[in-house]
Amino acid sequence: MPDNSNLPYRPCVGVMLVNMDGKIFVGQRIDNKVEAWQMPQGGIDEGEDPRTAALRELGEETGIAPEHVEIIGKSKDEHFYDLPDELVGRLWGGKYRGQRQTWYLARFIGADTNIDIKTRHPEFRDWKWTAPETLPELIVPFKKKLYRDILQEFRNLI
């Protein structure tokens, strides 16, 4: 088993997007054959602040424009997850052991027609709104604890 403890975590953001019914947006990853769903997330570019990165990533992955969301919360601390050993060498050029993420809670104030996952570089092949309690069940195993922690942190604001 490789020792990945010397590798850094990739700086990232995530967005828990909730609609007016309190349901959470999840997208089904295009690059995964299994039912891998996740909330929008991605890397922070050099010199970019996390909030700007969150809105950029949301737009890149969902087609949702900033005017269709209101940021209503931010995680107190960064959240971390480690990739399974078999993925470390295959993702992000093998430079990272996992991700350290700042999460934002955003209220979707647009219409479902404002969502278009057929973006320039699509990451999702499908999307849906899901109830908060079902969210951890949809996620790949190595992200379940992370998603439970984020849900717990944002629970009262959803």
N, C-alpha and C. Protein backbone atom coordinates (compact mmCIF):
# COMPACT_ATOMS: atom_id res chain seq x y z
N MET A 1 0.85 -1.19 0.00
CA MET A 1 0.00 0.00 0.00
C MET A 1 0.89 1.25 0.00
N PRO A 2 0.70 2.17 -0.95
CA PRO A 2 1.55 3.35 -1.02
C PRO A 2 1.31 4.29 0.17
N ASP A 3 2.37 5.01 0.55
CA ASP A 3 2.25 6.00 1.62
C ASP A 3 2.01 7.36 0.97
N ASN A 4 0.78 7.85 1.07
CA ASN A 4 0.42 9.13 0.46
C ASN A 4 0.46 10.29 1.45
N SER A 5 0.91 10.00 2.69
CA SER A 5 0.84 11.02 3.74
C SER A 5 1.74 12.22 3.46
N ASN A 6 2.71 12.08 2.56
CA ASN A 6 3.57 13.22 2.25
C ASN A 6 2.97 14.13 1.18
N LEU A 7 1.89 13.71 0.56
CA LEU A 7 1.24 14.53 -0.47
C LEU A 7 0.32 15.56 0.18
N PRO A 8 0.22 16.75 -0.41
CA PRO A 8 -0.69 17.78 0.14
C PRO A 8 -2.14 17.51 -0.27
N TYR A 9 -3.04 18.27 0.32
CA TYR A 9 -4.45 18.25 -0.07
C TYR A 9 -4.68 19.36 -1.10
N ARG A 10 -5.52 19.07 -2.07
CA ARG A 10 -5.84 20.05 -3.11
C ARG A 10 -6.83 21.08 -2.55
N PRO A 11 -6.52 22.38 -2.66
CA PRO A 11 -7.44 23.40 -2.16
C PRO A 11 -8.67 23.52 -3.06
N CYS A 12 -9.85 23.36 -2.46
CA CYS A 12 -11.09 23.31 -3.23
C CYS A 12 -12.24 24.00 -2.51
N VAL A 13 -13.33 24.14 -3.26
CA VAL A 13 -14.59 24.64 -2.71
C VAL A 13 -15.69 23.66 -3.08
N GLY A 14 -16.77 23.73 -2.33
CA GLY A 14 -17.96 22.96 -2.65
C GLY A 14 -19.18 23.83 -2.40
N VAL A 15 -20.25 23.51 -3.11
CA VAL A 15 -21.50 24.27 -2.95
C VAL A 15 -22.64 23.31 -2.66
N MET A 16 -23.26 23.50 -1.49
CA MET A 16 -24.51 22.81 -1.20
C MET A 16 -25.60 23.77 -1.66
N LEU A 17 -26.20 23.45 -2.80
CA LEU A 17 -27.23 24.29 -3.39
C LEU A 17 -28.59 23.74 -3.00
N VAL A 18 -29.39 24.56 -2.33
CA VAL A 18 -30.71 24.11 -1.89
C VAL A 18 -31.79 24.94 -2.58
N ASN A 19 -32.88 24.27 -2.95
CA ASN A 19 -33.98 25.00 -3.57
C ASN A 19 -34.95 25.49 -2.50
N MET A 20 -36.01 26.11 -2.92
CA MET A 20 -36.99 26.69 -1.98
C MET A 20 -37.73 25.62 -1.17
N ASP A 21 -37.69 24.37 -1.64
CA ASP A 21 -38.31 23.26 -0.91
C ASP A 21 -37.35 22.59 0.06
N GLY A 22 -36.12 23.12 0.17
CA GLY A 22 -35.14 22.53 1.08
C GLY A 22 -34.47 21.28 0.53
N LYS A 23 -34.58 21.06 -0.77
CA LYS A 23 -33.90 19.91 -1.39
C LYS A 23 -32.55 20.35 -1.94
N ILE A 24 -31.63 19.39 -2.04
CA ILE A 24 -30.24 19.67 -2.39
C ILE A 24 -29.94 19.19 -3.81
N PHE A 25 -29.23 20.03 -4.56
CA PHE A 25 -28.83 19.68 -5.92
C PHE A 25 -27.69 18.66 -5.87
N VAL A 26 -27.83 17.58 -6.66
CA VAL A 26 -26.73 16.64 -6.88
C VAL A 26 -26.66 16.33 -8.37
N GLY A 27 -25.43 16.14 -8.83
CA GLY A 27 -25.21 15.76 -10.22
C GLY A 27 -24.57 14.38 -10.27
N GLN A 28 -24.91 13.63 -11.30
CA GLN A 28 -24.33 12.30 -11.49
C GLN A 28 -23.08 12.46 -12.38
N ARG A 29 -21.95 12.06 -11.84
CA ARG A 29 -20.68 12.27 -12.54
C ARG A 29 -20.65 11.58 -13.89
N ILE A 30 -20.14 12.29 -14.88
CA ILE A 30 -20.09 11.79 -16.24
C ILE A 30 -18.96 10.77 -16.42
N ASP A 31 -17.93 10.87 -15.57
CA ASP A 31 -16.74 10.03 -15.73
C ASP A 31 -16.77 8.77 -14.87
N ASN A 32 -17.93 8.43 -14.35
CA ASN A 32 -18.02 7.28 -13.46
C ASN A 32 -19.15 6.38 -13.93
N LYS A 33 -18.87 5.11 -14.05
CA LYS A 33 -19.90 4.17 -14.53
C LYS A 33 -20.91 3.81 -13.44
N VAL A 34 -20.49 3.87 -12.18
CA VAL A 34 -21.41 3.58 -11.08
C VAL A 34 -22.26 4.82 -10.82
N GLU A 35 -23.27 4.67 -9.99
CA GLU A 35 -24.15 5.79 -9.66
C GLU A 35 -23.44 6.74 -8.71
N ALA A 36 -22.51 7.52 -9.21
CA ALA A 36 -21.74 8.45 -8.37
C ALA A 36 -22.35 9.85 -8.49
N TRP A 37 -23.01 10.27 -7.43
CA TRP A 37 -23.62 11.61 -7.39
C TRP A 37 -22.77 12.48 -6.48
N GLN A 38 -22.79 13.77 -6.72
CA GLN A 38 -22.10 14.69 -5.83
C GLN A 38 -22.66 16.09 -5.99
N MET A 39 -22.34 16.93 -5.00
CA MET A 39 -22.68 18.34 -5.09
C MET A 39 -21.58 19.02 -5.91
N PRO A 40 -21.87 20.18 -6.48
CA PRO A 40 -20.85 20.89 -7.25
C PRO A 40 -19.63 21.22 -6.38
N GLN A 41 -18.45 20.98 -6.94
CA GLN A 41 -17.22 21.26 -6.21
C GLN A 41 -16.08 21.36 -7.20
N GLY A 42 -14.99 21.97 -6.78
CA GLY A 42 -13.84 22.05 -7.67
C GLY A 42 -12.72 22.84 -7.07
N GLY A 43 -11.62 22.91 -7.80
CA GLY A 43 -10.40 23.54 -7.32
C GLY A 43 -10.48 25.06 -7.29
N ILE A 44 -9.68 25.61 -6.41
CA ILE A 44 -9.52 27.06 -6.31
C ILE A 44 -8.31 27.43 -7.16
N ASP A 45 -8.51 28.33 -8.12
CA ASP A 45 -7.40 28.77 -8.97
C ASP A 45 -6.43 29.64 -8.17
N GLU A 46 -5.20 29.68 -8.63
CA GLU A 46 -4.15 30.51 -8.01
C GLU A 46 -4.64 31.95 -7.86
N GLY A 47 -4.61 32.48 -6.63
CA GLY A 47 -5.00 33.86 -6.37
C GLY A 47 -6.50 34.10 -6.28
N GLU A 48 -7.31 33.07 -6.43
CA GLU A 48 -8.77 33.19 -6.41
C GLU A 48 -9.28 33.02 -4.98
N ASP A 49 -10.23 33.85 -4.57
CA ASP A 49 -10.79 33.66 -3.23
C ASP A 49 -11.86 32.57 -3.30
N PRO A 50 -12.09 31.86 -2.18
CA PRO A 50 -13.01 30.71 -2.20
C PRO A 50 -14.43 31.03 -2.66
N ARG A 51 -14.97 32.18 -2.26
CA ARG A 51 -16.35 32.51 -2.66
C ARG A 51 -16.46 32.66 -4.17
N THR A 52 -15.49 33.35 -4.76
CA THR A 52 -15.46 33.51 -6.22
C THR A 52 -15.33 32.16 -6.90
N ALA A 53 -14.46 31.31 -6.34
CA ALA A 53 -14.26 29.96 -6.90
C ALA A 53 -15.56 29.15 -6.82
N ALA A 54 -16.29 29.29 -5.72
CA ALA A 54 -17.53 28.54 -5.54
C ALA A 54 -18.55 28.93 -6.62
N LEU A 55 -18.71 30.21 -6.85
CA LEU A 55 -19.67 30.67 -7.87
C LEU A 55 -19.20 30.27 -9.27
N ARG A 56 -17.90 30.33 -9.51
CA ARG A 56 -17.35 29.92 -10.81
C ARG A 56 -17.59 28.43 -11.05
N GLU A 57 -17.24 27.61 -10.06
CA GLU A 57 -17.43 26.16 -10.19
C GLU A 57 -18.91 25.81 -10.38
N LEU A 58 -19.78 26.47 -9.63
CA LEU A 58 -21.22 26.23 -9.77
C LEU A 58 -21.66 26.50 -11.21
N GLY A 59 -21.20 27.60 -11.77
CA GLY A 59 -21.54 27.94 -13.15
C GLY A 59 -20.96 26.95 -14.14
N GLU A 60 -19.69 26.57 -13.94
CA GLU A 60 -19.04 25.64 -14.87
C GLU A 60 -19.69 24.27 -14.87
N GLU A 61 -20.22 23.84 -13.73
CA GLU A 61 -20.77 22.50 -13.64
C GLU A 61 -22.27 22.42 -13.85
N THR A 62 -22.99 23.51 -13.59
CA THR A 62 -24.46 23.46 -13.64
C THR A 62 -25.07 24.48 -14.60
N GLY A 63 -24.25 25.42 -15.10
CA GLY A 63 -24.79 26.46 -15.95
C GLY A 63 -25.55 27.53 -15.18
N ILE A 64 -25.58 27.43 -13.85
CA ILE A 64 -26.34 28.38 -13.03
C ILE A 64 -25.55 29.68 -12.88
N ALA A 65 -26.18 30.79 -13.26
CA ALA A 65 -25.55 32.11 -13.16
C ALA A 65 -25.60 32.62 -11.71
N PRO A 66 -24.62 33.44 -11.32
CA PRO A 66 -24.58 33.96 -9.94
C PRO A 66 -25.87 34.66 -9.50
N GLU A 67 -26.59 35.28 -10.43
CA GLU A 67 -27.82 35.98 -10.03
C GLU A 67 -28.95 35.03 -9.63
N HIS A 68 -28.75 33.73 -9.85
CA HIS A 68 -29.76 32.75 -9.47
C HIS A 68 -29.46 32.06 -8.14
N VAL A 69 -28.46 32.58 -7.42
CA VAL A 69 -28.14 32.01 -6.11
C VAL A 69 -27.87 33.10 -5.09
N GLU A 70 -28.16 32.78 -3.85
CA GLU A 70 -27.80 33.63 -2.71
C GLU A 70 -26.94 32.78 -1.79
N ILE A 71 -25.73 33.24 -1.48
CA ILE A 71 -24.89 32.53 -0.52
C ILE A 71 -25.46 32.80 0.87
N ILE A 72 -25.81 31.75 1.59
CA ILE A 72 -26.42 31.95 2.92
C ILE A 72 -25.61 31.34 4.05
N GLY A 73 -24.48 30.69 3.71
CA GLY A 73 -23.65 30.12 4.76
C GLY A 73 -22.30 29.71 4.21
N LYS A 74 -21.33 29.62 5.12
CA LYS A 74 -19.98 29.18 4.77
C LYS A 74 -19.50 28.28 5.91
N SER A 75 -18.81 27.19 5.56
CA SER A 75 -18.33 26.28 6.60
C SER A 75 -17.36 27.01 7.54
N LYS A 76 -17.46 26.67 8.82
CA LYS A 76 -16.58 27.30 9.83
C LYS A 76 -15.12 26.96 9.56
N ASP A 77 -14.88 25.72 9.21
CA ASP A 77 -13.53 25.23 8.96
C ASP A 77 -13.49 24.53 7.61
N GLU A 78 -12.28 24.26 7.15
CA GLU A 78 -12.14 23.46 5.94
C GLU A 78 -12.49 22.01 6.27
N HIS A 79 -13.03 21.31 5.29
CA HIS A 79 -13.33 19.89 5.42
C HIS A 79 -12.33 19.13 4.55
N PHE A 80 -11.87 17.98 5.03
CA PHE A 80 -10.85 17.20 4.32
C PHE A 80 -11.39 15.83 3.97
N TYR A 81 -10.94 15.30 2.84
CA TYR A 81 -11.15 13.88 2.57
C TYR A 81 -9.94 13.34 1.82
N ASP A 82 -9.65 12.07 2.07
CA ASP A 82 -8.57 11.36 1.39
C ASP A 82 -9.15 10.51 0.27
N LEU A 83 -8.45 10.49 -0.84
CA LEU A 83 -8.83 9.60 -1.93
C LEU A 83 -8.47 8.16 -1.56
N PRO A 84 -9.20 7.19 -2.09
CA PRO A 84 -8.75 5.80 -1.93
C PRO A 84 -7.39 5.65 -2.64
N ASP A 85 -6.54 4.77 -2.12
CA ASP A 85 -5.19 4.60 -2.66
C ASP A 85 -5.17 4.41 -4.17
N GLU A 86 -6.14 3.64 -4.69
CA GLU A 86 -6.12 3.34 -6.13
C GLU A 86 -6.42 4.57 -6.99
N LEU A 87 -6.95 5.65 -6.41
CA LEU A 87 -7.25 6.86 -7.19
C LEU A 87 -6.17 7.93 -7.07
N VAL A 88 -5.32 7.84 -6.05
CA VAL A 88 -4.33 8.91 -5.81
C VAL A 88 -3.47 9.16 -7.04
N GLY A 89 -2.94 8.13 -7.65
CA GLY A 89 -2.08 8.31 -8.81
C GLY A 89 -2.81 8.68 -10.09
N ARG A 90 -4.13 8.51 -10.11
CA ARG A 90 -4.90 8.72 -11.34
C ARG A 90 -5.54 10.10 -11.43
N LEU A 91 -5.77 10.76 -10.32
CA LEU A 91 -6.42 12.07 -10.33
C LEU A 91 -5.42 13.19 -10.06
N TRP A 92 -5.65 14.33 -10.69
CA TRP A 92 -4.87 15.55 -10.46
C TRP A 92 -3.36 15.32 -10.62
N GLY A 93 -3.00 14.47 -11.56
CA GLY A 93 -1.59 14.23 -11.85
C GLY A 93 -0.83 13.56 -10.71
N GLY A 94 -1.56 12.93 -9.78
CA GLY A 94 -0.91 12.25 -8.67
C GLY A 94 -0.27 13.19 -7.66
N LYS A 95 -0.62 14.49 -7.72
CA LYS A 95 0.02 15.49 -6.85
C LYS A 95 -0.64 15.63 -5.48
N TYR A 96 -1.85 15.09 -5.32
CA TYR A 96 -2.60 15.31 -4.08
C TYR A 96 -3.11 14.00 -3.49
N ARG A 97 -3.24 13.99 -2.18
CA ARG A 97 -3.77 12.81 -1.48
C ARG A 97 -5.29 12.87 -1.31
N GLY A 98 -5.84 14.05 -1.52
CA GLY A 98 -7.27 14.28 -1.35
C GLY A 98 -7.55 15.77 -1.49
N GLN A 99 -8.64 16.20 -0.87
CA GLN A 99 -9.01 17.62 -0.98
C GLN A 99 -9.26 18.24 0.38
N ARG A 100 -8.94 19.52 0.46
CA ARG A 100 -9.35 20.34 1.60
C ARG A 100 -10.31 21.36 1.02
N GLN A 101 -11.52 21.38 1.57
CA GLN A 101 -12.59 22.14 0.94
C GLN A 101 -13.23 23.15 1.88
N THR A 102 -13.49 24.33 1.34
CA THR A 102 -14.35 25.32 1.98
C THR A 102 -15.72 25.15 1.34
N TRP A 103 -16.74 24.97 2.16
CA TRP A 103 -18.09 24.73 1.63
C TRP A 103 -18.98 25.95 1.82
N TYR A 104 -19.82 26.19 0.84
CA TYR A 104 -20.81 27.26 0.88
C TYR A 104 -22.20 26.66 0.77
N LEU A 105 -23.12 27.24 1.51
CA LEU A 105 -24.53 26.90 1.38
C LEU A 105 -25.16 28.02 0.57
N ALA A 106 -25.82 27.65 -0.52
CA ALA A 106 -26.43 28.65 -1.40
C ALA A 106 -27.89 28.29 -1.66
N ARG A 107 -28.72 29.30 -1.63
CA ARG A 107 -30.14 29.13 -1.93
C ARG A 107 -30.33 29.38 -3.43
N PHE A 108 -30.96 28.43 -4.12
CA PHE A 108 -31.25 28.58 -5.54
C PHE A 108 -32.52 29.39 -5.68
N ILE A 109 -32.42 30.55 -6.31
CA ILE A 109 -33.58 31.43 -6.44
C ILE A 109 -34.04 31.53 -7.89
N GLY A 110 -33.50 30.67 -8.74
CA GLY A 110 -33.91 30.64 -10.14
C GLY A 110 -34.98 29.58 -10.35
N ALA A 111 -35.16 29.22 -11.61
CA ALA A 111 -36.08 28.15 -12.00
C ALA A 111 -35.24 26.98 -12.50
N ASP A 112 -35.80 25.79 -12.45
CA ASP A 112 -35.06 24.61 -12.93
C ASP A 112 -34.58 24.79 -14.37
N THR A 113 -35.26 25.62 -15.14
CA THR A 113 -34.83 25.88 -16.52
C THR A 113 -33.53 26.67 -16.58
N ASN A 114 -33.11 27.26 -15.45
CA ASN A 114 -31.82 27.97 -15.38
C ASN A 114 -30.65 27.01 -15.17
N ILE A 115 -30.94 25.73 -15.01
CA ILE A 115 -29.91 24.71 -14.81
C ILE A 115 -29.64 24.04 -16.15
N ASP A 116 -28.37 24.02 -16.54
CA ASP A 116 -27.98 23.38 -17.80
C ASP A 116 -26.63 22.69 -17.61
N ILE A 117 -26.67 21.38 -17.40
CA ILE A 117 -25.43 20.64 -17.15
C ILE A 117 -24.64 20.36 -18.42
N LYS A 118 -25.18 20.72 -19.57
CA LYS A 118 -24.45 20.55 -20.83
C LYS A 118 -23.56 21.79 -21.03
N THR A 119 -22.59 21.92 -20.14
CA THR A 119 -21.69 23.07 -20.14
C THR A 119 -20.52 22.83 -21.10
N ARG A 120 -19.61 23.78 -21.15
CA ARG A 120 -18.46 23.67 -22.06
C ARG A 120 -17.62 22.43 -21.78
N HIS A 121 -17.42 22.14 -20.50
CA HIS A 121 -16.69 20.93 -20.08
C HIS A 121 -17.59 20.18 -19.10
N PRO A 122 -18.57 19.43 -19.62
CA PRO A 122 -19.56 18.79 -18.74
C PRO A 122 -18.92 17.83 -17.72
N GLU A 123 -19.44 17.91 -16.50
CA GLU A 123 -18.99 17.00 -15.45
C GLU A 123 -20.11 16.06 -15.01
N PHE A 124 -21.36 16.44 -15.30
CA PHE A 124 -22.50 15.65 -14.88
C PHE A 124 -23.27 15.15 -16.10
N ARG A 125 -23.81 13.93 -15.99
CA ARG A 125 -24.66 13.40 -17.07
C ARG A 125 -26.13 13.49 -16.71
N ASP A 126 -26.42 13.73 -15.43
CA ASP A 126 -27.80 13.87 -14.97
C ASP A 126 -27.76 14.69 -13.68
N TRP A 127 -28.90 15.21 -13.27
CA TRP A 127 -28.98 15.94 -12.01
C TRP A 127 -30.37 15.77 -11.43
N LYS A 128 -30.48 16.05 -10.12
CA LYS A 128 -31.78 16.00 -9.46
C LYS A 128 -31.70 16.76 -8.14
N TRP A 129 -32.86 17.03 -7.59
CA TRP A 129 -32.98 17.58 -6.24
C TRP A 129 -33.22 16.39 -5.31
N THR A 130 -32.54 16.35 -4.18
CA THR A 130 -32.72 15.24 -3.25
C THR A 130 -32.95 15.77 -1.84
N ALA A 131 -33.66 15.00 -1.05
CA ALA A 131 -33.90 15.38 0.34
C ALA A 131 -32.59 15.29 1.13
N PRO A 132 -32.36 16.19 2.09
CA PRO A 132 -31.12 16.16 2.85
C PRO A 132 -30.79 14.80 3.46
N GLU A 133 -31.81 14.10 3.98
CA GLU A 133 -31.54 12.82 4.64
C GLU A 133 -31.07 11.73 3.68
N THR A 134 -31.36 11.88 2.38
CA THR A 134 -30.91 10.86 1.42
C THR A 134 -29.55 11.19 0.82
N LEU A 135 -29.06 12.39 1.04
CA LEU A 135 -27.80 12.83 0.43
C LEU A 135 -26.62 11.87 0.68
N PRO A 136 -26.31 11.50 1.92
CA PRO A 136 -25.15 10.63 2.14
C PRO A 136 -25.25 9.26 1.45
N GLU A 137 -26.46 8.78 1.22
CA GLU A 137 -26.64 7.47 0.57
C GLU A 137 -26.24 7.50 -0.91
N LEU A 138 -26.25 8.68 -1.53
CA LEU A 138 -25.98 8.81 -2.97
C LEU A 138 -24.50 8.96 -3.30
N ILE A 139 -23.70 9.20 -2.28
CA ILE A 139 -22.32 9.62 -2.47
C ILE A 139 -21.37 8.43 -2.45
N VAL A 140 -20.24 8.55 -3.19
CA VAL A 140 -19.23 7.49 -3.15
C VAL A 140 -18.75 7.31 -1.71
N PRO A 141 -18.40 6.08 -1.32
CA PRO A 141 -18.09 5.79 0.08
C PRO A 141 -17.04 6.70 0.72
N PHE A 142 -15.98 7.08 -0.02
CA PHE A 142 -14.92 7.87 0.61
C PHE A 142 -15.33 9.32 0.89
N LYS A 143 -16.51 9.76 0.42
CA LYS A 143 -16.98 11.12 0.72
C LYS A 143 -18.16 11.14 1.69
N LYS A 144 -18.63 9.98 2.16
CA LYS A 144 -19.83 9.93 3.01
C LYS A 144 -19.67 10.74 4.30
N LYS A 145 -18.55 10.56 5.00
CA LYS A 145 -18.35 11.29 6.26
C LYS A 145 -18.33 12.81 6.00
N LEU A 146 -17.63 13.22 4.95
CA LEU A 146 -17.56 14.63 4.58
C LEU A 146 -18.97 15.18 4.37
N TYR A 147 -19.80 14.47 3.60
CA TYR A 147 -21.14 14.96 3.31
C TYR A 147 -22.01 14.99 4.57
N ARG A 148 -21.86 14.00 5.44
CA ARG A 148 -22.61 14.03 6.71
C ARG A 148 -22.20 15.24 7.55
N ASP A 149 -20.90 15.53 7.60
CA ASP A 149 -20.40 16.67 8.37
C ASP A 149 -20.93 18.00 7.82
N ILE A 150 -20.94 18.14 6.51
CA ILE A 150 -21.44 19.38 5.90
C ILE A 150 -22.94 19.53 6.14
N LEU A 151 -23.67 18.43 6.00
CA LEU A 151 -25.10 18.45 6.28
C LEU A 151 -25.38 18.88 7.71
N GLN A 152 -24.61 18.31 8.65
CA GLN A 152 -24.78 18.66 10.06
C GLN A 152 -24.50 20.14 10.28
N GLU A 153 -23.44 20.64 9.66
CA GLU A 153 -23.07 22.05 9.86
C GLU A 153 -24.13 23.00 9.30
N PHE A 154 -24.71 22.67 8.16
CA PHE A 154 -25.68 23.57 7.50
C PHE A 154 -27.13 23.25 7.83
N ARG A 155 -27.39 22.19 8.59
CA ARG A 155 -28.74 21.68 8.85
C ARG A 155 -29.74 22.79 9.20
N ASN A 156 -29.39 23.66 10.12
CA ASN A 156 -30.34 24.68 10.58
C ASN A 156 -30.61 25.78 9.57
N LEU A 157 -29.76 25.89 8.56
CA LEU A 157 -29.93 26.95 7.54
C LEU A 157 -30.68 26.45 6.31
N ILE A 158 -30.72 25.13 6.13
CA ILE A 158 -31.36 24.56 4.93
C ILE A 158 -32.84 24.90 4.95
